[in-house]
Amino acid sequence: MTGRGAPIGMIRGIRIVGGERDFLAEDEPVDIHLDGGLIIDIAPTGALPARGEVLDAEGAWAVPGLWDNHVHTVQWALSAQRVPLGDVTTAQEAAARMSDAAILPDGRRVGSGYRDALWPDAPTLAVLDAATGEVPTYLINADVHSVWLNSAALRREGYEHAVEGCCGKARRSRSRVA
């Protein structure tokens, strides 16, 4: 039993949630050994002598701090290759910024973070085509749920024709070349 505010040296009989469990030999509760509030060892319950004050977890679950099972890690990693567009205030400005963007090794330009709902002008195919030409260009909205593509990007993705405007439908080509 620990006194209120006493530093904990060991948490006895706790179950671990997350990938760290893969490194444990069995699926039983473990002891977490602490020093200064930091984990210094995880061992099967009772395998190592108790250190300092002991908190008995009684089989409760430990979840790693700042652990989020809904993280877009791929999106985060790819952001290093994308042109930031969070500060642009018009469709014209976003398109102009993409016209000068570096072309990625796969032949595309990619920008992200725009918020077209705040713009006074519309993100149209004509605006983006005029600024970016024949380089496939993709602009990913800040909410990561929509994308603004130029004609070259639409062709690259297998769309023959695109209808102007936000809600138009595009017809997918049946003879797409990978």
N, C-alpha and C. Protein backbone atom coordinates (compact mmCIF):
# COMPACT_ATOMS: atom_id res chain seq x y z
N MET A 1 0.84 -1.18 0.00
CA MET A 1 0.00 0.00 0.00
C MET A 1 0.89 1.24 0.00
N THR A 2 0.49 2.23 -0.73
CA THR A 2 1.29 3.45 -0.83
C THR A 2 0.61 4.59 -0.09
N GLY A 3 1.43 5.51 0.38
CA GLY A 3 0.89 6.71 1.01
C GLY A 3 0.57 7.73 -0.06
N ARG A 4 -0.36 8.62 0.21
CA ARG A 4 -0.76 9.64 -0.76
C ARG A 4 0.45 10.49 -1.14
N GLY A 5 0.73 10.59 -2.44
CA GLY A 5 1.83 11.40 -2.94
C GLY A 5 3.17 10.71 -2.91
N ALA A 6 3.22 9.46 -2.41
CA ALA A 6 4.50 8.74 -2.36
C ALA A 6 4.90 8.32 -3.76
N PRO A 7 6.20 8.41 -4.09
CA PRO A 7 6.63 7.98 -5.42
C PRO A 7 6.47 6.47 -5.56
N ILE A 8 5.95 6.06 -6.69
CA ILE A 8 5.71 4.64 -6.97
C ILE A 8 6.98 4.04 -7.57
N GLY A 9 7.42 2.92 -7.03
CA GLY A 9 8.59 2.22 -7.56
C GLY A 9 8.22 1.04 -8.43
N MET A 10 6.99 0.53 -8.25
CA MET A 10 6.57 -0.62 -9.04
C MET A 10 5.04 -0.66 -9.11
N ILE A 11 4.53 -1.02 -10.28
CA ILE A 11 3.11 -1.29 -10.43
C ILE A 11 3.00 -2.80 -10.66
N ARG A 12 2.34 -3.48 -9.74
CA ARG A 12 2.27 -4.94 -9.76
C ARG A 12 0.97 -5.41 -10.43
N GLY A 13 1.12 -6.45 -11.28
CA GLY A 13 -0.05 -7.12 -11.84
C GLY A 13 -0.87 -6.28 -12.78
N ILE A 14 -0.23 -5.65 -13.74
CA ILE A 14 -0.94 -4.78 -14.69
C ILE A 14 -0.88 -5.37 -16.10
N ARG A 15 -1.92 -5.17 -16.85
CA ARG A 15 -1.97 -5.64 -18.25
C ARG A 15 -1.63 -4.45 -19.14
N ILE A 16 -0.91 -4.71 -20.21
CA ILE A 16 -0.46 -3.63 -21.10
C ILE A 16 -1.25 -3.67 -22.41
N VAL A 17 -1.72 -2.51 -22.83
CA VAL A 17 -2.42 -2.35 -24.10
C VAL A 17 -1.43 -1.81 -25.12
N GLY A 18 -1.52 -2.25 -26.36
CA GLY A 18 -0.70 -1.68 -27.42
C GLY A 18 0.37 -2.61 -27.92
N GLY A 19 1.16 -2.12 -28.88
CA GLY A 19 2.20 -2.90 -29.54
C GLY A 19 3.28 -3.41 -28.62
N GLU A 20 3.47 -2.73 -27.48
CA GLU A 20 4.51 -3.17 -26.54
C GLU A 20 4.24 -4.59 -26.06
N ARG A 21 3.01 -5.01 -26.08
CA ARG A 21 2.62 -6.35 -25.64
C ARG A 21 3.33 -7.41 -26.48
N ASP A 22 3.63 -7.11 -27.73
CA ASP A 22 4.29 -8.07 -28.62
C ASP A 22 5.65 -8.51 -28.10
N PHE A 23 6.29 -7.71 -27.28
CA PHE A 23 7.62 -8.03 -26.78
C PHE A 23 7.58 -8.85 -25.50
N LEU A 24 6.39 -9.12 -25.00
CA LEU A 24 6.26 -9.89 -23.77
C LEU A 24 6.03 -11.36 -24.10
N ALA A 25 6.62 -12.25 -23.30
CA ALA A 25 6.56 -13.69 -23.58
C ALA A 25 5.17 -14.26 -23.38
N GLU A 26 4.42 -13.77 -22.40
CA GLU A 26 3.12 -14.33 -22.10
C GLU A 26 2.06 -13.24 -22.12
N ASP A 27 0.81 -13.67 -22.11
CA ASP A 27 -0.30 -12.72 -22.12
C ASP A 27 -0.89 -12.55 -20.73
N GLU A 28 -0.04 -12.50 -19.74
CA GLU A 28 -0.45 -12.36 -18.34
C GLU A 28 -0.09 -10.97 -17.84
N PRO A 29 -0.66 -10.56 -16.71
CA PRO A 29 -0.26 -9.28 -16.12
C PRO A 29 1.24 -9.27 -15.83
N VAL A 30 1.80 -8.08 -15.82
CA VAL A 30 3.24 -7.89 -15.60
C VAL A 30 3.46 -6.88 -14.47
N ASP A 31 4.71 -6.74 -14.07
CA ASP A 31 5.10 -5.70 -13.14
C ASP A 31 5.86 -4.63 -13.93
N ILE A 32 5.51 -3.39 -13.72
CA ILE A 32 6.22 -2.27 -14.34
C ILE A 32 7.07 -1.63 -13.24
N HIS A 33 8.37 -1.60 -13.45
CA HIS A 33 9.31 -1.01 -12.49
C HIS A 33 9.64 0.41 -12.92
N LEU A 34 9.56 1.32 -11.95
CA LEU A 34 9.74 2.75 -12.23
C LEU A 34 10.90 3.32 -11.43
N ASP A 35 11.50 4.35 -11.99
CA ASP A 35 12.52 5.11 -11.27
C ASP A 35 12.32 6.57 -11.65
N GLY A 36 11.94 7.38 -10.68
CA GLY A 36 11.69 8.79 -10.96
C GLY A 36 10.53 9.01 -11.91
N GLY A 37 9.57 8.11 -11.90
CA GLY A 37 8.40 8.24 -12.76
C GLY A 37 8.59 7.68 -14.16
N LEU A 38 9.78 7.17 -14.47
CA LEU A 38 10.05 6.60 -15.79
C LEU A 38 10.11 5.09 -15.71
N ILE A 39 9.62 4.42 -16.74
CA ILE A 39 9.67 2.96 -16.79
C ILE A 39 11.12 2.53 -17.03
N ILE A 40 11.61 1.65 -16.15
CA ILE A 40 12.97 1.14 -16.31
C ILE A 40 12.98 -0.34 -16.62
N ASP A 41 11.85 -1.04 -16.36
CA ASP A 41 11.79 -2.47 -16.66
C ASP A 41 10.34 -2.92 -16.63
N ILE A 42 10.05 -3.91 -17.45
CA ILE A 42 8.76 -4.60 -17.43
C ILE A 42 9.09 -6.07 -17.35
N ALA A 43 8.52 -6.76 -16.37
CA ALA A 43 8.84 -8.16 -16.14
C ALA A 43 7.60 -8.92 -15.73
N PRO A 44 7.60 -10.26 -15.92
CA PRO A 44 6.46 -11.06 -15.44
C PRO A 44 6.25 -10.80 -13.95
N THR A 45 5.01 -10.81 -13.54
CA THR A 45 4.68 -10.53 -12.14
C THR A 45 5.47 -11.43 -11.20
N GLY A 46 6.17 -10.79 -10.26
CA GLY A 46 6.94 -11.51 -9.25
C GLY A 46 8.33 -11.93 -9.68
N ALA A 47 8.72 -11.69 -10.94
CA ALA A 47 10.04 -12.14 -11.42
C ALA A 47 11.17 -11.32 -10.83
N LEU A 48 10.94 -10.06 -10.53
CA LEU A 48 11.97 -9.19 -9.97
C LEU A 48 11.51 -8.71 -8.59
N PRO A 49 12.45 -8.45 -7.70
CA PRO A 49 12.05 -7.94 -6.38
C PRO A 49 11.40 -6.56 -6.50
N ALA A 50 10.47 -6.32 -5.59
CA ALA A 50 9.78 -5.03 -5.56
C ALA A 50 10.77 -3.91 -5.27
N ARG A 51 10.53 -2.74 -5.85
CA ARG A 51 11.35 -1.55 -5.64
C ARG A 51 10.45 -0.47 -5.08
N GLY A 52 10.82 0.13 -4.00
CA GLY A 52 10.08 1.26 -3.45
C GLY A 52 8.63 0.94 -3.17
N GLU A 53 7.79 1.96 -3.24
CA GLU A 53 6.36 1.79 -3.00
C GLU A 53 5.75 0.96 -4.13
N VAL A 54 4.82 0.08 -3.79
CA VAL A 54 4.20 -0.81 -4.77
C VAL A 54 2.72 -0.45 -4.89
N LEU A 55 2.28 -0.27 -6.11
CA LEU A 55 0.87 -0.04 -6.41
C LEU A 55 0.34 -1.33 -7.02
N ASP A 56 -0.65 -1.95 -6.40
CA ASP A 56 -1.20 -3.20 -6.91
C ASP A 56 -2.31 -2.85 -7.91
N ALA A 57 -2.09 -3.17 -9.18
CA ALA A 57 -3.04 -2.83 -10.24
C ALA A 57 -4.20 -3.82 -10.31
N GLU A 58 -4.05 -4.98 -9.71
CA GLU A 58 -5.11 -5.99 -9.67
C GLU A 58 -5.64 -6.32 -11.06
N GLY A 59 -4.75 -6.40 -12.05
CA GLY A 59 -5.14 -6.78 -13.41
C GLY A 59 -5.70 -5.65 -14.26
N ALA A 60 -5.65 -4.42 -13.76
CA ALA A 60 -6.14 -3.28 -14.55
C ALA A 60 -5.26 -3.11 -15.79
N TRP A 61 -5.71 -2.28 -16.72
CA TRP A 61 -5.00 -2.08 -17.99
C TRP A 61 -4.20 -0.79 -17.97
N ALA A 62 -2.99 -0.83 -18.52
CA ALA A 62 -2.16 0.36 -18.71
C ALA A 62 -2.19 0.73 -20.20
N VAL A 63 -2.52 1.97 -20.48
CA VAL A 63 -2.54 2.48 -21.85
C VAL A 63 -1.42 3.51 -21.97
N PRO A 64 -0.54 3.37 -22.96
CA PRO A 64 0.55 4.34 -23.10
C PRO A 64 0.02 5.77 -23.19
N GLY A 65 0.69 6.70 -22.54
CA GLY A 65 0.30 8.10 -22.59
C GLY A 65 0.44 8.66 -23.99
N LEU A 66 -0.45 9.56 -24.34
CA LEU A 66 -0.47 10.20 -25.66
C LEU A 66 -0.60 9.18 -26.78
N TRP A 67 -1.22 8.07 -26.48
CA TRP A 67 -1.41 7.00 -27.47
C TRP A 67 -2.74 7.23 -28.16
N ASP A 68 -2.73 7.23 -29.49
CA ASP A 68 -3.94 7.46 -30.25
C ASP A 68 -3.98 6.41 -31.35
N ASN A 69 -5.01 5.60 -31.34
CA ASN A 69 -5.14 4.54 -32.33
C ASN A 69 -5.65 5.08 -33.66
N HIS A 70 -5.89 6.38 -33.76
CA HIS A 70 -6.38 6.99 -34.99
C HIS A 70 -5.41 8.10 -35.43
N VAL A 71 -4.24 7.70 -35.80
CA VAL A 71 -3.24 8.66 -36.25
C VAL A 71 -2.97 8.40 -37.73
N HIS A 72 -2.99 9.44 -38.51
CA HIS A 72 -2.71 9.33 -39.95
C HIS A 72 -1.20 9.41 -40.14
N THR A 73 -0.48 8.35 -39.75
CA THR A 73 0.98 8.40 -39.79
C THR A 73 1.51 8.54 -41.21
N VAL A 74 0.86 7.89 -42.15
CA VAL A 74 1.31 8.01 -43.53
C VAL A 74 1.13 9.45 -44.00
N GLN A 75 -0.02 10.05 -43.68
CA GLN A 75 -0.26 11.44 -44.07
C GLN A 75 0.79 12.35 -43.45
N TRP A 76 1.10 12.11 -42.18
CA TRP A 76 2.09 12.94 -41.50
C TRP A 76 3.45 12.81 -42.18
N ALA A 77 3.85 11.59 -42.50
CA ALA A 77 5.15 11.38 -43.13
C ALA A 77 5.20 12.02 -44.52
N LEU A 78 4.11 11.92 -45.25
CA LEU A 78 4.09 12.50 -46.60
C LEU A 78 4.06 14.03 -46.59
N SER A 79 3.67 14.62 -45.48
CA SER A 79 3.57 16.08 -45.44
C SER A 79 4.90 16.76 -45.72
N ALA A 80 6.00 16.07 -45.48
CA ALA A 80 7.32 16.64 -45.77
C ALA A 80 7.52 16.87 -47.27
N GLN A 81 6.77 16.16 -48.10
CA GLN A 81 6.88 16.30 -49.56
C GLN A 81 5.84 17.26 -50.14
N ARG A 82 4.96 17.76 -49.30
CA ARG A 82 3.85 18.56 -49.79
C ARG A 82 4.06 20.06 -49.55
N VAL A 83 3.55 20.83 -50.48
CA VAL A 83 3.62 22.29 -50.36
C VAL A 83 2.53 22.73 -49.38
N PRO A 84 2.89 23.45 -48.32
CA PRO A 84 1.88 23.90 -47.36
C PRO A 84 1.00 25.01 -47.95
N LEU A 85 -0.31 24.84 -47.81
CA LEU A 85 -1.26 25.80 -48.39
C LEU A 85 -2.19 26.39 -47.34
N GLY A 86 -1.90 26.17 -46.07
CA GLY A 86 -2.79 26.64 -45.01
C GLY A 86 -2.95 28.14 -44.94
N ASP A 87 -2.01 28.88 -45.48
CA ASP A 87 -2.07 30.34 -45.39
C ASP A 87 -2.61 31.01 -46.65
N VAL A 88 -2.93 30.26 -47.69
CA VAL A 88 -3.44 30.89 -48.91
C VAL A 88 -4.87 31.36 -48.70
N THR A 89 -5.21 32.47 -49.32
CA THR A 89 -6.53 33.07 -49.09
C THR A 89 -7.44 33.07 -50.30
N THR A 90 -6.94 32.57 -51.45
CA THR A 90 -7.77 32.48 -52.65
C THR A 90 -7.36 31.25 -53.46
N ALA A 91 -8.26 30.83 -54.35
CA ALA A 91 -7.94 29.74 -55.27
C ALA A 91 -6.79 30.15 -56.19
N GLN A 92 -6.81 31.39 -56.66
CA GLN A 92 -5.75 31.89 -57.53
C GLN A 92 -4.39 31.80 -56.85
N GLU A 93 -4.34 32.18 -55.58
CA GLU A 93 -3.08 32.13 -54.83
C GLU A 93 -2.59 30.69 -54.64
N ALA A 94 -3.51 29.77 -54.36
CA ALA A 94 -3.13 28.36 -54.20
C ALA A 94 -2.59 27.80 -55.51
N ALA A 95 -3.26 28.09 -56.61
CA ALA A 95 -2.82 27.61 -57.91
C ALA A 95 -1.45 28.19 -58.28
N ALA A 96 -1.26 29.48 -58.00
CA ALA A 96 0.02 30.12 -58.31
C ALA A 96 1.15 29.49 -57.49
N ARG A 97 0.89 29.20 -56.23
CA ARG A 97 1.93 28.58 -55.39
C ARG A 97 2.29 27.20 -55.96
N MET A 98 1.31 26.48 -56.44
CA MET A 98 1.59 25.14 -56.98
C MET A 98 2.34 25.21 -58.30
N SER A 99 2.21 26.31 -59.02
CA SER A 99 2.93 26.43 -60.31
C SER A 99 4.43 26.46 -60.10
N ASP A 100 4.88 26.90 -58.93
CA ASP A 100 6.31 26.96 -58.62
C ASP A 100 6.78 25.80 -57.75
N ALA A 101 5.89 24.89 -57.41
CA ALA A 101 6.23 23.79 -56.50
C ALA A 101 7.16 22.80 -57.19
N ALA A 102 8.02 22.20 -56.39
CA ALA A 102 8.93 21.17 -56.91
C ALA A 102 8.12 19.97 -57.39
N ILE A 103 8.61 19.35 -58.44
CA ILE A 103 7.97 18.14 -58.96
C ILE A 103 8.59 16.95 -58.24
N LEU A 104 7.74 16.11 -57.68
CA LEU A 104 8.20 14.93 -56.94
C LEU A 104 8.80 13.90 -57.89
N PRO A 105 9.57 12.95 -57.37
CA PRO A 105 10.18 11.92 -58.23
C PRO A 105 9.17 11.15 -59.08
N ASP A 106 7.93 11.04 -58.62
CA ASP A 106 6.92 10.30 -59.40
C ASP A 106 6.22 11.20 -60.42
N GLY A 107 6.68 12.45 -60.57
CA GLY A 107 6.15 13.34 -61.61
C GLY A 107 5.00 14.22 -61.19
N ARG A 108 4.61 14.20 -59.93
CA ARG A 108 3.47 15.00 -59.46
C ARG A 108 3.93 16.19 -58.64
N ARG A 109 3.01 17.14 -58.50
CA ARG A 109 3.13 18.20 -57.50
C ARG A 109 1.99 17.96 -56.51
N VAL A 110 2.28 18.09 -55.22
CA VAL A 110 1.24 17.87 -54.21
C VAL A 110 1.31 18.99 -53.17
N GLY A 111 0.16 19.58 -52.91
CA GLY A 111 0.04 20.59 -51.87
C GLY A 111 -1.03 20.15 -50.89
N SER A 112 -1.00 20.71 -49.69
CA SER A 112 -2.03 20.32 -48.72
C SER A 112 -2.29 21.42 -47.71
N GLY A 113 -3.48 21.34 -47.11
CA GLY A 113 -3.83 22.23 -46.02
C GLY A 113 -4.70 23.42 -46.41
N TYR A 114 -5.20 23.46 -47.64
CA TYR A 114 -6.02 24.61 -48.02
C TYR A 114 -7.44 24.50 -47.44
N ARG A 115 -8.10 25.65 -47.32
CA ARG A 115 -9.48 25.70 -46.81
C ARG A 115 -10.30 26.57 -47.77
N ASP A 116 -10.80 25.94 -48.83
CA ASP A 116 -11.49 26.70 -49.88
C ASP A 116 -12.82 27.29 -49.42
N ALA A 117 -13.39 26.81 -48.34
CA ALA A 117 -14.65 27.39 -47.84
C ALA A 117 -14.45 28.84 -47.39
N LEU A 118 -13.20 29.22 -47.13
CA LEU A 118 -12.90 30.58 -46.68
C LEU A 118 -12.49 31.50 -47.84
N TRP A 119 -12.40 30.96 -49.03
CA TRP A 119 -11.94 31.74 -50.17
C TRP A 119 -13.09 32.51 -50.83
N PRO A 120 -12.80 33.68 -51.40
CA PRO A 120 -13.84 34.43 -52.13
C PRO A 120 -14.05 33.87 -53.54
N ASP A 121 -13.08 33.10 -54.07
CA ASP A 121 -13.21 32.53 -55.41
C ASP A 121 -13.25 31.01 -55.31
N ALA A 122 -13.70 30.38 -56.39
CA ALA A 122 -13.87 28.92 -56.40
C ALA A 122 -12.63 28.22 -56.94
N PRO A 123 -12.32 27.05 -56.40
CA PRO A 123 -11.21 26.25 -56.93
C PRO A 123 -11.68 25.48 -58.18
N THR A 124 -11.46 26.06 -59.34
CA THR A 124 -11.94 25.46 -60.58
C THR A 124 -10.82 24.75 -61.33
N LEU A 125 -11.23 23.89 -62.23
CA LEU A 125 -10.29 23.19 -63.09
C LEU A 125 -9.52 24.19 -63.94
N ALA A 126 -10.19 25.18 -64.47
CA ALA A 126 -9.56 26.18 -65.33
C ALA A 126 -8.47 26.95 -64.58
N VAL A 127 -8.73 27.34 -63.34
CA VAL A 127 -7.76 28.09 -62.54
C VAL A 127 -6.51 27.25 -62.31
N LEU A 128 -6.70 25.99 -61.92
CA LEU A 128 -5.55 25.14 -61.63
C LEU A 128 -4.79 24.76 -62.90
N ASP A 129 -5.52 24.47 -63.98
CA ASP A 129 -4.86 24.14 -65.26
C ASP A 129 -4.02 25.30 -65.76
N ALA A 130 -4.53 26.52 -65.67
CA ALA A 130 -3.81 27.69 -66.16
C ALA A 130 -2.49 27.88 -65.42
N ALA A 131 -2.46 27.54 -64.14
CA ALA A 131 -1.26 27.75 -63.34
C ALA A 131 -0.29 26.58 -63.39
N THR A 132 -0.78 25.37 -63.61
CA THR A 132 0.08 24.19 -63.46
C THR A 132 0.34 23.41 -64.73
N GLY A 133 -0.40 23.70 -65.79
CA GLY A 133 -0.16 23.07 -67.08
C GLY A 133 -0.28 21.56 -67.07
N GLU A 134 0.72 20.90 -67.66
CA GLU A 134 0.67 19.45 -67.85
C GLU A 134 1.33 18.65 -66.74
N VAL A 135 1.70 19.28 -65.66
CA VAL A 135 2.26 18.54 -64.52
C VAL A 135 1.09 18.12 -63.63
N PRO A 136 0.88 16.81 -63.42
CA PRO A 136 -0.21 16.38 -62.55
C PRO A 136 -0.08 17.04 -61.17
N THR A 137 -1.14 17.76 -60.78
CA THR A 137 -1.10 18.55 -59.55
C THR A 137 -2.30 18.21 -58.68
N TYR A 138 -2.01 17.92 -57.41
CA TYR A 138 -3.00 17.50 -56.43
C TYR A 138 -2.94 18.46 -55.24
N LEU A 139 -4.07 19.03 -54.86
CA LEU A 139 -4.16 19.87 -53.66
C LEU A 139 -5.12 19.19 -52.70
N ILE A 140 -4.63 18.82 -51.53
CA ILE A 140 -5.41 18.09 -50.54
C ILE A 140 -5.96 19.09 -49.52
N ASN A 141 -7.26 19.05 -49.32
CA ASN A 141 -7.92 19.95 -48.38
C ASN A 141 -7.40 19.71 -46.96
N ALA A 142 -7.48 20.73 -46.12
CA ALA A 142 -7.00 20.63 -44.74
C ALA A 142 -7.69 19.52 -43.96
N ASP A 143 -8.93 19.21 -44.29
CA ASP A 143 -9.64 18.16 -43.57
C ASP A 143 -9.31 16.76 -44.11
N VAL A 144 -8.50 16.69 -45.14
CA VAL A 144 -8.05 15.44 -45.77
C VAL A 144 -9.23 14.63 -46.31
N HIS A 145 -10.34 15.29 -46.64
CA HIS A 145 -11.49 14.58 -47.16
C HIS A 145 -11.87 15.00 -48.58
N SER A 146 -11.09 15.90 -49.17
CA SER A 146 -11.32 16.27 -50.55
C SER A 146 -10.01 16.70 -51.18
N VAL A 147 -9.99 16.67 -52.52
CA VAL A 147 -8.78 17.03 -53.24
C VAL A 147 -9.17 17.80 -54.50
N TRP A 148 -8.33 18.76 -54.86
CA TRP A 148 -8.53 19.56 -56.07
C TRP A 148 -7.44 19.15 -57.03
N LEU A 149 -7.82 18.62 -58.19
CA LEU A 149 -6.86 18.11 -59.18
C LEU A 149 -6.93 18.93 -60.46
N ASN A 150 -5.79 19.01 -61.15
CA ASN A 150 -5.80 19.62 -62.47
C ASN A 150 -6.11 18.53 -63.51
N SER A 151 -6.23 18.93 -64.78
CA SER A 151 -6.58 17.97 -65.84
C SER A 151 -5.54 16.87 -65.99
N ALA A 152 -4.26 17.22 -65.85
CA ALA A 152 -3.20 16.21 -65.97
C ALA A 152 -3.32 15.17 -64.86
N ALA A 153 -3.66 15.58 -63.66
CA ALA A 153 -3.85 14.64 -62.55
C ALA A 153 -5.09 13.78 -62.78
N LEU A 154 -6.16 14.39 -63.29
CA LEU A 154 -7.37 13.62 -63.59
C LEU A 154 -7.07 12.54 -64.63
N ARG A 155 -6.32 12.89 -65.68
CA ARG A 155 -5.94 11.89 -66.69
C ARG A 155 -5.08 10.81 -66.07
N ARG A 156 -4.13 11.20 -65.24
CA ARG A 156 -3.24 10.24 -64.58
C ARG A 156 -4.04 9.24 -63.74
N GLU A 157 -5.12 9.70 -63.13
CA GLU A 157 -5.95 8.84 -62.28
C GLU A 157 -7.01 8.09 -63.07
N GLY A 158 -7.02 8.25 -64.39
CA GLY A 158 -7.93 7.48 -65.23
C GLY A 158 -9.25 8.13 -65.53
N TYR A 159 -9.34 9.45 -65.39
CA TYR A 159 -10.57 10.15 -65.72
C TYR A 159 -10.40 10.86 -67.06
N GLU A 160 -11.28 10.53 -68.02
CA GLU A 160 -11.22 11.12 -69.36
C GLU A 160 -11.66 12.56 -69.37
N HIS A 161 -12.77 12.80 -68.75
CA HIS A 161 -13.38 14.12 -68.78
C HIS A 161 -13.78 14.51 -67.37
N ALA A 162 -13.69 15.77 -67.08
CA ALA A 162 -14.14 16.27 -65.78
C ALA A 162 -15.16 17.36 -66.02
N VAL A 163 -16.16 17.42 -65.19
CA VAL A 163 -17.17 18.46 -65.27
C VAL A 163 -16.74 19.59 -64.35
N GLU A 164 -16.79 20.82 -64.84
CA GLU A 164 -16.39 21.99 -64.06
C GLU A 164 -17.27 22.15 -62.84
N GLY A 165 -16.69 22.58 -61.73
CA GLY A 165 -17.46 22.86 -60.53
C GLY A 165 -17.18 21.87 -59.42
N CYS A 166 -17.68 22.17 -58.24
CA CYS A 166 -17.35 21.37 -57.07
C CYS A 166 -18.05 20.04 -57.04
N CYS A 167 -19.23 19.94 -57.63
CA CYS A 167 -20.02 18.72 -57.42
C CYS A 167 -20.20 17.91 -58.68
N GLY A 168 -19.48 18.24 -59.73
CA GLY A 168 -19.62 17.51 -60.98
C GLY A 168 -19.05 16.11 -60.88
N LYS A 169 -19.50 15.25 -61.77
CA LYS A 169 -19.01 13.88 -61.79
C LYS A 169 -18.01 13.75 -62.94
N ALA A 170 -17.02 12.93 -62.74
CA ALA A 170 -16.06 12.66 -63.80
C ALA A 170 -16.27 11.23 -64.27
N ARG A 171 -16.01 10.97 -65.56
CA ARG A 171 -16.18 9.64 -66.11
C ARG A 171 -14.83 8.95 -66.12
N ARG A 172 -14.77 7.80 -65.51
CA ARG A 172 -13.52 7.05 -65.42
C ARG A 172 -13.28 6.33 -66.74
N SER A 173 -12.05 6.43 -67.23
CA SER A 173 -11.65 5.77 -68.47
C SER A 173 -11.58 4.26 -68.25
N ARG A 174 -12.02 3.51 -69.25
CA ARG A 174 -11.91 2.05 -69.14
C ARG A 174 -10.58 1.55 -69.66
N SER A 175 -9.84 2.40 -70.34
CA SER A 175 -8.57 1.97 -70.91
C SER A 175 -7.40 2.62 -70.16
N ARG A 176 -7.52 2.64 -68.84
CA ARG A 176 -6.48 3.27 -68.02
C ARG A 176 -5.17 2.51 -68.14
N VAL A 177 -4.12 3.27 -68.34
CA VAL A 177 -2.78 2.70 -68.39
C VAL A 177 -2.14 2.92 -67.03
N ALA A 178 -1.67 1.87 -66.41
CA ALA A 178 -1.09 1.97 -65.05
C ALA A 178 0.22 2.68 -65.06
